[in-house]
Amino acid sequence: MREPTSVTVKIYGQDYTLKGGADPGYVQDVAAFVDERMKEVSENSSVASATKVAILAAINIADELFREQQKRIQSMATLEDRSVQIARLLDREVGKDSSSIQEGDSLPGT
């Protein structure tokens, strides 16, 4: 793990010094994302308080996170269902092949 480093970022016109083990470029990217979301909220609403803008931006970001998590859960369920279907098809096909083998016959490579 990296040694904690300090990174100064600007979010919604304010400088913040953040300390942690993450790559400074990553921290800058995350801060830029938050700054952009806060600007979007400010431009699209009549909210004047920076605190309220931050809360609305946080809610929007949390909503996006929750939706993405739900998509991931659904994708994993779909993948699991398909894996089970493929395994059943393989079992059925392997079963057909093994039923044609006579006792005493050996499979190639055995």
N, C-alpha and C. Protein backbone atom coordinates (compact mmCIF):
# COMPACT_ATOMS: atom_id res chain seq x y z
N MET A 1 0.84 -1.18 0.00
CA MET A 1 0.00 0.00 0.00
C MET A 1 0.88 1.24 0.00
N ARG A 2 0.41 2.27 -0.62
CA ARG A 2 1.15 3.52 -0.74
C ARG A 2 1.22 4.25 0.60
N GLU A 3 2.27 5.02 0.74
CA GLU A 3 2.35 5.93 1.89
C GLU A 3 1.30 7.01 1.71
N PRO A 4 0.66 7.42 2.78
CA PRO A 4 -0.34 8.50 2.67
C PRO A 4 0.32 9.77 2.11
N THR A 5 -0.35 10.36 1.14
CA THR A 5 0.12 11.61 0.55
C THR A 5 -1.01 12.63 0.61
N SER A 6 -0.64 13.90 0.55
CA SER A 6 -1.63 14.97 0.57
C SER A 6 -1.83 15.47 -0.85
N VAL A 7 -3.09 15.69 -1.21
CA VAL A 7 -3.45 16.22 -2.52
C VAL A 7 -4.44 17.35 -2.30
N THR A 8 -4.18 18.49 -2.90
CA THR A 8 -5.11 19.61 -2.81
C THR A 8 -5.98 19.61 -4.04
N VAL A 9 -7.29 19.66 -3.82
CA VAL A 9 -8.26 19.65 -4.91
C VAL A 9 -9.19 20.86 -4.75
N LYS A 10 -9.84 21.20 -5.83
CA LYS A 10 -10.81 22.31 -5.79
C LYS A 10 -12.17 21.74 -6.14
N ILE A 11 -13.10 21.92 -5.20
CA ILE A 11 -14.47 21.46 -5.41
C ILE A 11 -15.40 22.62 -5.12
N TYR A 12 -16.16 22.98 -6.14
CA TYR A 12 -17.16 24.04 -6.02
C TYR A 12 -16.55 25.33 -5.47
N GLY A 13 -15.35 25.64 -6.00
CA GLY A 13 -14.69 26.89 -5.65
C GLY A 13 -13.90 26.88 -4.36
N GLN A 14 -13.88 25.77 -3.67
CA GLN A 14 -13.16 25.67 -2.39
C GLN A 14 -12.00 24.69 -2.53
N ASP A 15 -10.87 25.03 -1.92
CA ASP A 15 -9.73 24.12 -1.90
C ASP A 15 -9.84 23.19 -0.70
N TYR A 16 -9.54 21.92 -0.96
CA TYR A 16 -9.55 20.90 0.10
C TYR A 16 -8.25 20.12 -0.02
N THR A 17 -7.59 19.90 1.10
CA THR A 17 -6.40 19.06 1.12
C THR A 17 -6.81 17.70 1.67
N LEU A 18 -6.64 16.70 0.83
CA LEU A 18 -7.04 15.33 1.18
C LEU A 18 -5.79 14.49 1.38
N LYS A 19 -5.79 13.67 2.39
CA LYS A 19 -4.65 12.83 2.68
C LYS A 19 -5.08 11.37 2.61
N GLY A 20 -4.32 10.56 1.89
CA GLY A 20 -4.65 9.15 1.79
C GLY A 20 -3.63 8.40 0.97
N GLY A 21 -3.89 7.12 0.78
CA GLY A 21 -2.96 6.26 0.06
C GLY A 21 -3.26 6.11 -1.41
N ALA A 22 -4.32 6.74 -1.89
CA ALA A 22 -4.70 6.61 -3.30
C ALA A 22 -3.77 7.43 -4.19
N ASP A 23 -3.68 7.04 -5.43
CA ASP A 23 -2.89 7.77 -6.41
C ASP A 23 -3.41 9.20 -6.52
N PRO A 24 -2.53 10.20 -6.48
CA PRO A 24 -2.98 11.60 -6.56
C PRO A 24 -3.82 11.91 -7.81
N GLY A 25 -3.49 11.30 -8.93
CA GLY A 25 -4.27 11.51 -10.14
C GLY A 25 -5.70 11.01 -9.99
N TYR A 26 -5.84 9.88 -9.32
CA TYR A 26 -7.16 9.32 -9.06
C TYR A 26 -7.95 10.25 -8.16
N VAL A 27 -7.31 10.77 -7.11
CA VAL A 27 -7.98 11.69 -6.19
C VAL A 27 -8.44 12.93 -6.95
N GLN A 28 -7.60 13.44 -7.83
CA GLN A 28 -7.97 14.60 -8.65
C GLN A 28 -9.18 14.28 -9.53
N ASP A 29 -9.20 13.09 -10.13
CA ASP A 29 -10.33 12.68 -10.98
C ASP A 29 -11.63 12.59 -10.18
N VAL A 30 -11.55 12.01 -8.98
CA VAL A 30 -12.75 11.90 -8.14
C VAL A 30 -13.24 13.29 -7.75
N ALA A 31 -12.32 14.16 -7.36
CA ALA A 31 -12.70 15.52 -6.98
C ALA A 31 -13.32 16.26 -8.16
N ALA A 32 -12.77 16.08 -9.35
CA ALA A 32 -13.32 16.73 -10.54
C ALA A 32 -14.73 16.23 -10.81
N PHE A 33 -14.97 14.94 -10.59
CA PHE A 33 -16.29 14.36 -10.77
C PHE A 33 -17.29 15.01 -9.81
N VAL A 34 -16.91 15.10 -8.54
CA VAL A 34 -17.79 15.71 -7.53
C VAL A 34 -18.03 17.17 -7.88
N ASP A 35 -16.98 17.88 -8.27
CA ASP A 35 -17.11 19.30 -8.64
C ASP A 35 -18.09 19.46 -9.81
N GLU A 36 -17.97 18.60 -10.80
CA GLU A 36 -18.87 18.67 -11.96
C GLU A 36 -20.31 18.41 -11.55
N ARG A 37 -20.53 17.43 -10.71
CA ARG A 37 -21.89 17.13 -10.25
C ARG A 37 -22.48 18.30 -9.47
N MET A 38 -21.67 18.92 -8.63
CA MET A 38 -22.16 20.06 -7.86
C MET A 38 -22.51 21.23 -8.79
N LYS A 39 -21.70 21.43 -9.81
CA LYS A 39 -22.00 22.50 -10.78
C LYS A 39 -23.30 22.20 -11.52
N GLU A 40 -23.50 20.94 -11.90
CA GLU A 40 -24.74 20.56 -12.58
C GLU A 40 -25.95 20.83 -11.71
N VAL A 41 -25.88 20.44 -10.43
CA VAL A 41 -26.98 20.66 -9.51
C VAL A 41 -27.25 22.15 -9.38
N SER A 42 -26.20 22.93 -9.23
CA SER A 42 -26.33 24.38 -9.07
C SER A 42 -26.98 25.03 -10.28
N GLU A 43 -26.58 24.57 -11.47
CA GLU A 43 -27.12 25.14 -12.72
C GLU A 43 -28.57 24.74 -12.96
N ASN A 44 -28.96 23.57 -12.45
CA ASN A 44 -30.30 23.05 -12.73
C ASN A 44 -31.29 23.20 -11.58
N SER A 45 -30.93 23.97 -10.58
CA SER A 45 -31.85 24.17 -9.46
C SER A 45 -31.69 25.59 -8.93
N SER A 46 -32.62 25.96 -8.09
CA SER A 46 -32.58 27.30 -7.52
C SER A 46 -31.91 27.31 -6.15
N VAL A 47 -31.27 26.22 -5.80
CA VAL A 47 -30.59 26.11 -4.51
C VAL A 47 -29.36 27.01 -4.51
N ALA A 48 -29.23 27.84 -3.49
CA ALA A 48 -28.11 28.77 -3.42
C ALA A 48 -27.04 28.32 -2.43
N SER A 49 -27.42 27.60 -1.40
CA SER A 49 -26.49 27.17 -0.37
C SER A 49 -25.55 26.09 -0.89
N ALA A 50 -24.25 26.28 -0.66
CA ALA A 50 -23.28 25.27 -1.08
C ALA A 50 -23.52 23.94 -0.38
N THR A 51 -23.97 24.02 0.86
CA THR A 51 -24.26 22.79 1.60
C THR A 51 -25.40 22.03 0.95
N LYS A 52 -26.46 22.73 0.58
CA LYS A 52 -27.59 22.06 -0.06
C LYS A 52 -27.21 21.52 -1.43
N VAL A 53 -26.38 22.26 -2.16
CA VAL A 53 -25.90 21.79 -3.46
C VAL A 53 -25.10 20.51 -3.26
N ALA A 54 -24.24 20.49 -2.23
CA ALA A 54 -23.44 19.30 -1.95
C ALA A 54 -24.32 18.10 -1.60
N ILE A 55 -25.35 18.35 -0.81
CA ILE A 55 -26.25 17.25 -0.42
C ILE A 55 -27.00 16.72 -1.63
N LEU A 56 -27.51 17.60 -2.47
CA LEU A 56 -28.22 17.15 -3.68
C LEU A 56 -27.28 16.42 -4.62
N ALA A 57 -26.05 16.90 -4.76
CA ALA A 57 -25.07 16.21 -5.60
C ALA A 57 -24.77 14.83 -5.03
N ALA A 58 -24.62 14.75 -3.71
CA ALA A 58 -24.35 13.46 -3.06
C ALA A 58 -25.50 12.49 -3.29
N ILE A 59 -26.72 12.99 -3.21
CA ILE A 59 -27.89 12.13 -3.45
C ILE A 59 -27.89 11.65 -4.91
N ASN A 60 -27.58 12.53 -5.84
CA ASN A 60 -27.51 12.12 -7.25
C ASN A 60 -26.42 11.07 -7.48
N ILE A 61 -25.27 11.28 -6.87
CA ILE A 61 -24.17 10.32 -7.01
C ILE A 61 -24.55 8.98 -6.37
N ALA A 62 -25.16 9.03 -5.19
CA ALA A 62 -25.58 7.79 -4.52
C ALA A 62 -26.63 7.06 -5.36
N ASP A 63 -27.54 7.80 -5.98
CA ASP A 63 -28.55 7.18 -6.84
C ASP A 63 -27.88 6.47 -8.01
N GLU A 64 -26.91 7.12 -8.62
CA GLU A 64 -26.19 6.50 -9.74
C GLU A 64 -25.46 5.24 -9.27
N LEU A 65 -24.82 5.32 -8.11
CA LEU A 65 -24.13 4.16 -7.55
C LEU A 65 -25.09 3.01 -7.32
N PHE A 66 -26.23 3.28 -6.69
CA PHE A 66 -27.21 2.24 -6.42
C PHE A 66 -27.73 1.61 -7.71
N ARG A 67 -27.99 2.43 -8.72
CA ARG A 67 -28.47 1.89 -10.00
C ARG A 67 -27.42 0.99 -10.65
N GLU A 68 -26.17 1.41 -10.59
CA GLU A 68 -25.09 0.60 -11.17
C GLU A 68 -24.91 -0.70 -10.40
N GLN A 69 -25.03 -0.65 -9.08
CA GLN A 69 -24.94 -1.87 -8.28
C GLN A 69 -26.08 -2.83 -8.64
N GLN A 70 -27.27 -2.29 -8.83
CA GLN A 70 -28.41 -3.13 -9.19
C GLN A 70 -28.19 -3.77 -10.57
N LYS A 71 -27.64 -3.01 -11.50
CA LYS A 71 -27.33 -3.57 -12.83
C LYS A 71 -26.31 -4.69 -12.71
N ARG A 72 -25.30 -4.49 -11.86
CA ARG A 72 -24.27 -5.51 -11.67
C ARG A 72 -24.88 -6.77 -11.07
N ILE A 73 -25.75 -6.62 -10.09
CA ILE A 73 -26.42 -7.77 -9.47
C ILE A 73 -27.25 -8.52 -10.51
N GLN A 74 -27.99 -7.77 -11.33
CA GLN A 74 -28.80 -8.40 -12.37
C GLN A 74 -27.92 -9.10 -13.40
N SER A 75 -26.81 -8.48 -13.76
CA SER A 75 -25.90 -9.09 -14.74
C SER A 75 -25.29 -10.38 -14.17
N MET A 76 -24.93 -10.36 -12.90
CA MET A 76 -24.38 -11.56 -12.28
C MET A 76 -25.42 -12.67 -12.23
N ALA A 77 -26.66 -12.34 -11.95
CA ALA A 77 -27.73 -13.35 -11.92
C ALA A 77 -27.93 -13.93 -13.31
N THR A 78 -27.92 -13.08 -14.32
CA THR A 78 -28.06 -13.54 -15.71
C THR A 78 -26.90 -14.45 -16.09
N LEU A 79 -25.69 -14.05 -15.71
CA LEU A 79 -24.51 -14.85 -16.01
C LEU A 79 -24.58 -16.20 -15.31
N GLU A 80 -25.04 -16.20 -14.07
CA GLU A 80 -25.17 -17.46 -13.34
C GLU A 80 -26.21 -18.37 -14.00
N ASP A 81 -27.35 -17.80 -14.40
CA ASP A 81 -28.38 -18.59 -15.09
C ASP A 81 -27.84 -19.19 -16.38
N ARG A 82 -27.13 -18.39 -17.13
CA ARG A 82 -26.57 -18.89 -18.40
C ARG A 82 -25.52 -19.96 -18.17
N SER A 83 -24.72 -19.78 -17.12
CA SER A 83 -23.70 -20.79 -16.78
C SER A 83 -24.36 -22.13 -16.45
N VAL A 84 -25.45 -22.08 -15.69
CA VAL A 84 -26.18 -23.30 -15.34
C VAL A 84 -26.74 -23.94 -16.61
N GLN A 85 -27.30 -23.15 -17.51
CA GLN A 85 -27.83 -23.68 -18.76
C GLN A 85 -26.74 -24.34 -19.59
N ILE A 86 -25.58 -23.71 -19.67
CA ILE A 86 -24.46 -24.27 -20.43
C ILE A 86 -23.99 -25.56 -19.79
N ALA A 87 -23.89 -25.58 -18.47
CA ALA A 87 -23.46 -26.79 -17.77
C ALA A 87 -24.44 -27.93 -18.03
N ARG A 88 -25.73 -27.65 -18.03
CA ARG A 88 -26.73 -28.69 -18.31
C ARG A 88 -26.60 -29.21 -19.74
N LEU A 89 -26.41 -28.30 -20.68
CA LEU A 89 -26.23 -28.71 -22.07
C LEU A 89 -24.98 -29.57 -22.23
N LEU A 90 -23.91 -29.16 -21.58
CA LEU A 90 -22.68 -29.96 -21.65
C LEU A 90 -22.87 -31.32 -21.03
N ASP A 91 -23.52 -31.36 -19.87
CA ASP A 91 -23.78 -32.65 -19.22
C ASP A 91 -24.61 -33.55 -20.12
N ARG A 92 -25.62 -32.98 -20.78
CA ARG A 92 -26.47 -33.76 -21.67
C ARG A 92 -25.67 -34.29 -22.85
N GLU A 93 -24.83 -33.44 -23.44
CA GLU A 93 -24.04 -33.86 -24.59
C GLU A 93 -22.97 -34.88 -24.19
N VAL A 94 -22.34 -34.69 -23.06
CA VAL A 94 -21.35 -35.65 -22.59
C VAL A 94 -22.04 -36.97 -22.27
N GLY A 95 -23.23 -36.91 -21.73
CA GLY A 95 -24.00 -38.12 -21.43
C GLY A 95 -24.31 -38.91 -22.69
N LYS A 96 -24.62 -38.20 -23.78
CA LYS A 96 -24.89 -38.89 -25.06
C LYS A 96 -23.64 -39.60 -25.54
N ASP A 97 -22.50 -38.93 -25.45
CA ASP A 97 -21.25 -39.51 -25.94
C ASP A 97 -20.84 -40.71 -25.11
N SER A 98 -21.00 -40.63 -23.78
CA SER A 98 -20.55 -41.73 -22.92
C SER A 98 -21.48 -42.93 -23.05
N SER A 99 -22.74 -42.72 -23.45
CA SER A 99 -23.66 -43.85 -23.57
C SER A 99 -23.32 -44.70 -24.79
N SER A 100 -22.57 -44.15 -25.75
CA SER A 100 -22.21 -44.93 -26.94
C SER A 100 -20.92 -45.69 -26.75
N ILE A 101 -20.27 -45.49 -25.59
CA ILE A 101 -19.01 -46.20 -25.33
C ILE A 101 -19.35 -47.58 -24.76
N GLN A 102 -18.78 -48.58 -25.38
CA GLN A 102 -18.99 -49.97 -24.92
C GLN A 102 -18.10 -50.23 -23.71
N GLU A 103 -18.55 -51.15 -22.87
CA GLU A 103 -17.73 -51.52 -21.73
C GLU A 103 -16.44 -52.10 -22.25
N GLY A 104 -15.34 -51.66 -21.65
CA GLY A 104 -14.04 -52.13 -22.11
C GLY A 104 -13.41 -51.15 -23.07
N ASP A 105 -14.22 -50.31 -23.71
CA ASP A 105 -13.65 -49.27 -24.57
C ASP A 105 -13.00 -48.23 -23.69
N SER A 106 -12.02 -47.56 -24.22
CA SER A 106 -11.38 -46.48 -23.46
C SER A 106 -11.49 -45.19 -24.26
N LEU A 107 -11.49 -44.14 -23.55
CA LEU A 107 -11.54 -42.84 -24.18
C LEU A 107 -10.15 -42.49 -24.70
N PRO A 108 -10.07 -41.69 -25.73
CA PRO A 108 -8.75 -41.28 -26.23
C PRO A 108 -7.95 -40.62 -25.12
N GLY A 109 -6.67 -40.99 -25.05
CA GLY A 109 -5.78 -40.40 -24.05
C GLY A 109 -5.80 -41.11 -22.71
N THR A 110 -6.60 -42.21 -22.59
CA THR A 110 -6.64 -42.93 -21.32
C THR A 110 -6.03 -44.30 -21.46
